[in-house]
């Protein structure tokens, strides 16, 4: 039997053993969906420690041991323009969750009353189905 016929026979046998309709493949979630992972914005600090630090930092501080804090418009513009993230959720402590289904990324931002925002954590594995509570928890902020 030629190779093309062997492949055709294999595909036919596979379709009989594992039939999948177009409707099923469009509805079923991917088998290898990534887990949500989180990183603090400052190496060696927990996300909660970064939040505590970010509440007192002036805008525009650019030190290795501090989170990125800048005017809220600058931070949100960067998240939207460079990462395709949109605001997903927020809590009463001023923490805002931004996420991008296209990139699979998410960013946690502390929005301060002085119109300054600070990135406190970020991660991967974001999907539109992701629970904001689960992401807050993964980041250690619940």
N, C-alpha and C. Protein backbone atom coordinates (compact mmCIF):
# COMPACT_ATOMS: atom_id res chain seq x y z
N UNK A 1 0.85 -1.16 0.00
CA UNK A 1 0.00 0.00 0.00
C UNK A 1 0.91 1.24 0.00
N UNK A 2 0.56 2.22 -0.82
CA UNK A 2 1.38 3.43 -0.89
C UNK A 2 1.17 4.27 0.37
N UNK A 3 2.10 5.17 0.60
CA UNK A 3 2.09 5.99 1.82
C UNK A 3 0.80 6.81 1.94
N UNK A 4 0.34 7.40 0.84
CA UNK A 4 -0.88 8.22 0.87
C UNK A 4 -2.08 7.40 1.31
N UNK A 5 -2.15 6.15 0.84
CA UNK A 5 -3.28 5.30 1.25
C UNK A 5 -3.16 4.90 2.72
N UNK A 6 -1.93 4.71 3.20
CA UNK A 6 -1.73 4.37 4.61
C UNK A 6 -2.19 5.53 5.50
N UNK A 7 -1.84 6.74 5.09
CA UNK A 7 -2.26 7.92 5.86
C UNK A 7 -3.78 8.05 5.83
N UNK A 8 -4.38 7.86 4.66
CA UNK A 8 -5.83 7.96 4.55
C UNK A 8 -6.52 6.90 5.41
N UNK A 9 -5.99 5.68 5.41
CA UNK A 9 -6.57 4.62 6.23
C UNK A 9 -6.44 4.95 7.72
N UNK A 10 -5.29 5.49 8.12
CA UNK A 10 -5.09 5.87 9.52
C UNK A 10 -6.08 6.97 9.93
N UNK A 11 -6.22 7.99 9.09
CA UNK A 11 -7.14 9.09 9.41
C UNK A 11 -8.57 8.61 9.49
N UNK A 12 -8.97 7.71 8.60
CA UNK A 12 -10.32 7.16 8.63
C UNK A 12 -10.55 6.37 9.91
N UNK A 13 -9.58 5.53 10.28
CA UNK A 13 -9.71 4.74 11.51
C UNK A 13 -9.76 5.65 12.73
N UNK A 14 -8.95 6.70 12.74
CA UNK A 14 -8.94 7.63 13.86
C UNK A 14 -10.27 8.35 13.98
N UNK A 15 -10.85 8.75 12.85
CA UNK A 15 -12.13 9.46 12.87
C UNK A 15 -13.23 8.56 13.41
N UNK A 16 -13.15 7.27 13.13
CA UNK A 16 -14.16 6.33 13.64
C UNK A 16 -14.00 6.16 15.14
N UNK A 17 -12.75 6.06 15.62
CA UNK A 17 -12.50 5.86 17.04
C UNK A 17 -12.75 7.13 17.86
N UNK A 18 -12.40 8.28 17.29
CA UNK A 18 -12.49 9.56 18.00
C UNK A 18 -13.23 10.59 17.16
N UNK A 19 -14.53 10.40 16.96
CA UNK A 19 -15.24 11.36 16.13
C UNK A 19 -15.36 12.71 16.84
N UNK A 20 -15.04 13.78 16.12
CA UNK A 20 -15.16 15.13 16.65
C UNK A 20 -15.88 15.97 15.61
N UNK A 21 -16.97 16.54 16.03
CA UNK A 21 -17.70 17.40 15.11
C UNK A 21 -17.13 18.80 15.17
N UNK A 22 -17.44 19.62 14.18
CA UNK A 22 -16.99 21.01 14.17
C UNK A 22 -17.56 21.76 15.37
N UNK A 23 -18.79 21.43 15.74
CA UNK A 23 -19.40 22.11 16.89
C UNK A 23 -18.65 21.78 18.17
N UNK A 24 -18.23 20.53 18.33
CA UNK A 24 -17.49 20.15 19.54
C UNK A 24 -16.15 20.86 19.60
N UNK A 25 -15.44 20.89 18.50
CA UNK A 25 -14.11 21.50 18.53
C UNK A 25 -14.19 22.99 18.79
N UNK A 26 -15.29 23.63 18.43
CA UNK A 26 -15.43 25.07 18.68
C UNK A 26 -15.83 25.35 20.12
N UNK A 27 -16.44 24.38 20.80
CA UNK A 27 -16.94 24.60 22.14
C UNK A 27 -15.97 24.12 23.22
N UNK A 28 -15.29 23.03 22.97
CA UNK A 28 -14.44 22.44 23.99
C UNK A 28 -13.19 23.28 24.22
N UNK A 29 -12.80 23.47 25.49
CA UNK A 29 -11.60 24.25 25.78
C UNK A 29 -10.34 23.51 25.33
N UNK A 30 -9.28 24.25 25.06
CA UNK A 30 -8.03 23.59 24.68
C UNK A 30 -7.54 22.68 25.81
N UNK A 31 -6.99 21.54 25.43
CA UNK A 31 -6.52 20.57 26.40
C UNK A 31 -5.32 21.13 27.17
N UNK A 32 -4.43 21.82 26.49
CA UNK A 32 -3.20 22.31 27.11
C UNK A 32 -3.30 23.79 27.47
N UNK A 33 -4.43 24.19 28.03
CA UNK A 33 -4.60 25.58 28.44
C UNK A 33 -3.58 25.93 29.52
N UNK A 34 -2.86 27.05 29.38
CA UNK A 34 -1.82 27.38 30.36
C UNK A 34 -2.40 27.71 31.72
N UNK A 35 -1.64 27.36 32.75
CA UNK A 35 -2.02 27.73 34.10
C UNK A 35 -1.72 29.20 34.31
N UNK A 36 -2.49 29.84 35.16
CA UNK A 36 -2.23 31.24 35.50
C UNK A 36 -1.01 31.28 36.40
N UNK A 37 -0.02 32.06 36.01
CA UNK A 37 1.20 32.23 36.80
C UNK A 37 1.38 33.70 37.10
N UNK A 38 1.99 33.99 38.26
CA UNK A 38 2.14 35.38 38.70
C UNK A 38 3.57 35.67 39.13
N UNK A 39 3.97 36.92 38.92
CA UNK A 39 5.25 37.42 39.38
C UNK A 39 5.06 38.78 40.00
N UNK A 40 5.74 39.01 41.08
CA UNK A 40 5.73 40.33 41.72
C UNK A 40 6.48 41.30 40.80
N UNK A 41 6.14 42.57 40.88
CA UNK A 41 6.81 43.58 40.06
C UNK A 41 8.22 43.90 40.56
N UNK A 42 8.54 43.46 41.77
CA UNK A 42 9.88 43.70 42.33
C UNK A 42 10.44 42.36 42.80
N UNK A 43 11.57 41.97 42.26
CA UNK A 43 12.20 40.71 42.63
C UNK A 43 12.49 40.67 44.12
N UNK A 44 12.17 39.54 44.74
CA UNK A 44 12.44 39.35 46.16
C UNK A 44 11.36 39.88 47.08
N UNK A 45 10.32 40.47 46.53
CA UNK A 45 9.20 40.98 47.34
C UNK A 45 7.92 40.29 46.92
N UNK A 46 7.02 40.08 47.87
CA UNK A 46 5.70 39.55 47.53
C UNK A 46 4.89 40.69 46.89
N UNK A 47 3.84 40.32 46.19
CA UNK A 47 2.99 41.35 45.58
C UNK A 47 2.40 42.27 46.64
N UNK A 48 2.04 41.72 47.81
CA UNK A 48 1.50 42.56 48.88
C UNK A 48 2.55 43.54 49.38
N UNK A 49 3.80 43.13 49.49
CA UNK A 49 4.87 44.05 49.88
C UNK A 49 5.05 45.15 48.84
N UNK A 50 4.90 44.80 47.58
CA UNK A 50 5.00 45.81 46.52
C UNK A 50 3.85 46.80 46.62
N UNK A 51 2.65 46.31 46.92
CA UNK A 51 1.50 47.21 47.11
C UNK A 51 1.79 48.17 48.25
N UNK A 52 2.29 47.64 49.36
CA UNK A 52 2.59 48.50 50.52
C UNK A 52 3.62 49.56 50.16
N UNK A 53 4.65 49.18 49.42
CA UNK A 53 5.67 50.13 48.99
C UNK A 53 5.11 51.15 48.00
N UNK A 54 4.28 50.68 47.08
CA UNK A 54 3.75 51.54 46.03
C UNK A 54 2.82 52.64 46.56
N UNK A 55 2.25 52.43 47.72
CA UNK A 55 1.34 53.46 48.26
C UNK A 55 2.10 54.73 48.64
N UNK A 56 3.42 54.64 48.81
CA UNK A 56 4.19 55.80 49.28
C UNK A 56 5.16 56.36 48.24
N UNK A 57 5.33 55.69 47.11
CA UNK A 57 6.31 56.13 46.11
C UNK A 57 5.80 57.32 45.30
N UNK A 58 6.69 58.25 44.97
CA UNK A 58 6.30 59.32 44.05
C UNK A 58 6.25 58.77 42.62
N UNK A 59 5.53 59.44 41.76
CA UNK A 59 5.45 59.04 40.35
C UNK A 59 6.82 59.19 39.70
N UNK A 60 7.08 58.33 38.72
CA UNK A 60 8.30 58.44 37.94
C UNK A 60 9.55 57.88 38.57
N UNK A 61 9.46 57.25 39.74
CA UNK A 61 10.64 56.64 40.35
C UNK A 61 11.09 55.49 39.45
N UNK A 62 12.37 55.46 39.16
CA UNK A 62 12.88 54.44 38.24
C UNK A 62 14.07 53.73 38.87
N UNK A 63 13.85 53.09 40.01
CA UNK A 63 14.89 52.33 40.69
C UNK A 63 14.61 50.84 40.50
N UNK A 64 15.66 50.04 40.50
CA UNK A 64 15.51 48.60 40.32
C UNK A 64 14.69 47.97 41.44
N UNK A 65 14.72 48.53 42.63
CA UNK A 65 14.02 47.94 43.76
C UNK A 65 12.63 48.49 44.00
N UNK A 66 12.05 49.14 42.99
CA UNK A 66 10.71 49.70 43.13
C UNK A 66 9.85 49.33 41.93
N UNK A 67 8.53 49.33 42.13
CA UNK A 67 7.65 49.07 40.99
C UNK A 67 7.58 50.30 40.08
N UNK A 68 7.09 50.10 38.86
CA UNK A 68 6.91 51.22 37.95
C UNK A 68 5.66 52.00 38.36
N UNK A 69 5.83 53.24 38.76
CA UNK A 69 4.74 54.14 39.10
C UNK A 69 4.80 55.34 38.16
N UNK A 70 3.65 55.71 37.63
CA UNK A 70 3.59 56.85 36.72
C UNK A 70 2.16 57.36 36.71
N UNK A 71 1.94 58.44 35.97
CA UNK A 71 0.58 58.96 35.83
C UNK A 71 -0.33 57.84 35.34
N UNK A 72 -1.52 57.77 35.89
CA UNK A 72 -2.44 56.69 35.53
C UNK A 72 -2.65 56.60 34.03
N UNK A 73 -2.78 57.74 33.36
CA UNK A 73 -2.97 57.74 31.90
C UNK A 73 -1.78 57.09 31.19
N UNK A 74 -0.58 57.30 31.68
CA UNK A 74 0.62 56.70 31.08
C UNK A 74 0.63 55.19 31.28
N UNK A 75 0.31 54.74 32.47
CA UNK A 75 0.30 53.30 32.77
C UNK A 75 -0.78 52.60 31.95
N UNK A 76 -1.99 53.13 31.97
CA UNK A 76 -3.08 52.48 31.23
C UNK A 76 -2.83 52.53 29.72
N UNK A 77 -2.27 53.62 29.24
CA UNK A 77 -1.94 53.71 27.81
C UNK A 77 -0.93 52.65 27.40
N UNK A 78 0.05 52.40 28.25
CA UNK A 78 1.05 51.38 27.96
C UNK A 78 0.43 49.99 27.97
N UNK A 79 -0.41 49.71 28.96
CA UNK A 79 -1.05 48.40 29.03
C UNK A 79 -1.94 48.14 27.81
N UNK A 80 -2.66 49.17 27.39
CA UNK A 80 -3.53 49.03 26.23
C UNK A 80 -2.74 48.96 24.93
N UNK A 81 -1.81 49.89 24.76
CA UNK A 81 -1.10 50.00 23.49
C UNK A 81 -0.04 48.95 23.25
N UNK A 82 0.72 48.61 24.26
CA UNK A 82 1.83 47.68 24.07
C UNK A 82 1.47 46.22 24.37
N UNK A 83 0.47 45.99 25.20
CA UNK A 83 0.13 44.63 25.59
C UNK A 83 -1.29 44.22 25.20
N UNK A 84 -2.08 45.17 24.69
CA UNK A 84 -3.45 44.86 24.30
C UNK A 84 -4.33 44.50 25.48
N UNK A 85 -3.97 44.97 26.67
CA UNK A 85 -4.75 44.65 27.86
C UNK A 85 -5.87 45.65 28.07
N UNK A 86 -6.96 45.16 28.63
CA UNK A 86 -8.10 45.99 28.99
C UNK A 86 -8.43 45.76 30.45
N UNK A 87 -9.11 46.71 31.05
CA UNK A 87 -9.50 46.58 32.45
C UNK A 87 -10.51 45.45 32.59
N UNK A 88 -10.21 44.51 33.49
CA UNK A 88 -11.04 43.33 33.68
C UNK A 88 -11.83 43.43 34.98
N UNK A 89 -11.17 43.85 36.06
CA UNK A 89 -11.82 43.90 37.37
C UNK A 89 -11.03 44.82 38.28
N UNK A 90 -11.67 45.21 39.38
CA UNK A 90 -10.97 45.99 40.41
C UNK A 90 -11.59 45.67 41.75
N UNK A 91 -10.85 45.97 42.81
CA UNK A 91 -11.40 45.76 44.15
C UNK A 91 -11.44 47.08 44.91
N UNK A 92 -11.90 47.04 46.13
CA UNK A 92 -12.05 48.26 46.93
C UNK A 92 -10.74 48.82 47.45
N UNK A 93 -9.64 48.08 47.27
CA UNK A 93 -8.33 48.53 47.74
C UNK A 93 -7.56 49.29 46.66
N UNK A 94 -8.20 49.55 45.53
CA UNK A 94 -7.54 50.29 44.45
C UNK A 94 -6.75 49.41 43.51
N UNK A 95 -6.86 48.10 43.65
CA UNK A 95 -6.16 47.20 42.75
C UNK A 95 -7.01 46.92 41.51
N UNK A 96 -6.39 47.11 40.35
CA UNK A 96 -7.07 46.92 39.08
C UNK A 96 -6.39 45.79 38.32
N UNK A 97 -7.20 44.87 37.80
CA UNK A 97 -6.69 43.76 37.00
C UNK A 97 -6.93 44.08 35.53
N UNK A 98 -5.83 44.06 34.77
CA UNK A 98 -5.87 44.24 33.33
C UNK A 98 -5.51 42.91 32.69
N UNK A 99 -6.12 42.56 31.56
CA UNK A 99 -5.81 41.30 30.91
C UNK A 99 -5.96 41.37 29.40
N UNK A 100 -5.25 40.49 28.73
CA UNK A 100 -5.31 40.39 27.27
C UNK A 100 -5.49 38.94 26.87
N UNK A 101 -6.64 38.64 26.27
CA UNK A 101 -6.86 37.28 25.77
C UNK A 101 -5.90 36.98 24.62
N UNK A 102 -5.65 37.97 23.79
CA UNK A 102 -4.78 37.78 22.63
C UNK A 102 -3.35 37.42 23.05
N UNK A 103 -2.82 38.14 24.04
CA UNK A 103 -1.45 37.90 24.49
C UNK A 103 -1.37 36.86 25.60
N UNK A 104 -2.50 36.63 26.30
CA UNK A 104 -2.49 35.69 27.42
C UNK A 104 -1.82 36.26 28.65
N UNK A 105 -1.70 37.59 28.73
CA UNK A 105 -1.03 38.25 29.85
C UNK A 105 -2.03 38.96 30.73
N UNK A 106 -1.59 39.24 31.95
CA UNK A 106 -2.39 40.07 32.85
C UNK A 106 -1.44 40.92 33.70
N UNK A 107 -1.96 42.05 34.19
CA UNK A 107 -1.18 42.97 35.00
C UNK A 107 -2.05 43.49 36.13
N UNK A 108 -1.50 43.51 37.33
CA UNK A 108 -2.19 44.07 38.50
C UNK A 108 -1.61 45.45 38.76
N UNK A 109 -2.48 46.43 38.86
CA UNK A 109 -2.07 47.83 39.01
C UNK A 109 -2.74 48.42 40.24
N UNK A 110 -1.96 49.12 41.06
CA UNK A 110 -2.51 49.87 42.18
C UNK A 110 -2.81 51.27 41.68
N UNK A 111 -4.09 51.66 41.69
CA UNK A 111 -4.50 53.00 41.29
C UNK A 111 -4.62 53.85 42.56
N UNK A 112 -3.78 54.86 42.67
CA UNK A 112 -3.75 55.69 43.87
C UNK A 112 -4.65 56.93 43.69
N UNK A 113 -5.08 57.53 44.81
CA UNK A 113 -5.95 58.72 44.74
C UNK A 113 -5.28 59.92 44.06
N UNK A 114 -3.94 59.95 44.01
CA UNK A 114 -3.25 61.10 43.42
C UNK A 114 -3.06 60.97 41.90
N UNK A 115 -3.85 60.08 41.28
CA UNK A 115 -3.82 59.85 39.83
C UNK A 115 -2.50 59.24 39.37
N UNK A 116 -1.86 58.54 40.27
CA UNK A 116 -0.66 57.78 39.96
C UNK A 116 -1.03 56.31 40.07
N UNK A 117 -0.51 55.50 39.16
CA UNK A 117 -0.73 54.06 39.21
C UNK A 117 0.60 53.35 39.22
N UNK A 118 0.64 52.22 39.92
CA UNK A 118 1.87 51.43 40.05
C UNK A 118 1.59 49.98 39.67
N UNK A 119 2.45 49.41 38.84
CA UNK A 119 2.35 47.99 38.51
C UNK A 119 2.91 47.21 39.69
N UNK A 120 2.08 46.31 40.24
CA UNK A 120 2.52 45.55 41.42
C UNK A 120 2.74 44.07 41.14
N UNK A 121 2.13 43.53 40.08
CA UNK A 121 2.32 42.13 39.73
C UNK A 121 1.87 41.93 38.29
N UNK A 122 2.34 40.86 37.70
CA UNK A 122 1.93 40.52 36.34
C UNK A 122 2.04 39.02 36.18
N UNK A 123 1.51 38.53 35.07
CA UNK A 123 1.57 37.10 34.86
C UNK A 123 1.12 36.68 33.49
N UNK A 124 1.03 35.37 33.33
CA UNK A 124 0.60 34.76 32.07
C UNK A 124 -0.54 33.79 32.36
N UNK A 125 -1.15 33.30 31.29
CA UNK A 125 -2.23 32.34 31.43
C UNK A 125 -3.60 32.98 31.48
N UNK A 126 -3.69 34.27 31.11
CA UNK A 126 -4.99 34.94 31.16
C UNK A 126 -5.86 34.50 29.98
N UNK A 127 -7.10 34.20 30.27
CA UNK A 127 -8.13 33.97 29.25
C UNK A 127 -9.37 34.72 29.70
N UNK A 128 -10.30 34.90 28.79
CA UNK A 128 -11.55 35.57 29.14
C UNK A 128 -12.34 34.80 30.17
N UNK A 129 -12.07 33.50 30.29
CA UNK A 129 -12.77 32.66 31.26
C UNK A 129 -12.11 32.69 32.63
N UNK A 130 -10.93 33.30 32.72
CA UNK A 130 -10.19 33.31 33.98
C UNK A 130 -10.98 34.08 35.04
N UNK A 131 -10.99 33.53 36.23
CA UNK A 131 -11.66 34.18 37.34
C UNK A 131 -10.76 35.27 37.91
N UNK A 132 -11.22 36.53 37.95
CA UNK A 132 -10.41 37.58 38.57
C UNK A 132 -10.02 37.24 40.01
N UNK A 133 -10.93 36.62 40.75
CA UNK A 133 -10.63 36.23 42.13
C UNK A 133 -9.46 35.25 42.16
N UNK A 134 -9.43 34.31 41.23
CA UNK A 134 -8.35 33.33 41.17
C UNK A 134 -7.02 34.03 40.84
N UNK A 135 -7.06 35.03 39.97
CA UNK A 135 -5.83 35.76 39.63
C UNK A 135 -5.36 36.58 40.82
N UNK A 136 -6.26 37.29 41.50
CA UNK A 136 -5.89 38.04 42.71
C UNK A 136 -5.25 37.07 43.72
N UNK A 137 -5.85 35.88 43.86
CA UNK A 137 -5.34 34.89 44.81
C UNK A 137 -3.98 34.36 44.39
N UNK A 138 -3.80 34.05 43.11
CA UNK A 138 -2.53 33.57 42.60
C UNK A 138 -1.43 34.59 42.83
N UNK A 139 -1.77 35.86 42.70
CA UNK A 139 -0.80 36.93 42.92
C UNK A 139 -0.52 37.15 44.41
N UNK A 140 -1.32 36.52 45.27
CA UNK A 140 -1.13 36.70 46.72
C UNK A 140 -1.76 37.97 47.25
N UNK A 141 -2.79 38.45 46.56
CA UNK A 141 -3.42 39.71 46.95
C UNK A 141 -4.83 39.52 47.50
N UNK A 142 -5.13 38.32 47.94
CA UNK A 142 -6.40 38.06 48.63
C UNK A 142 -6.06 37.34 49.92
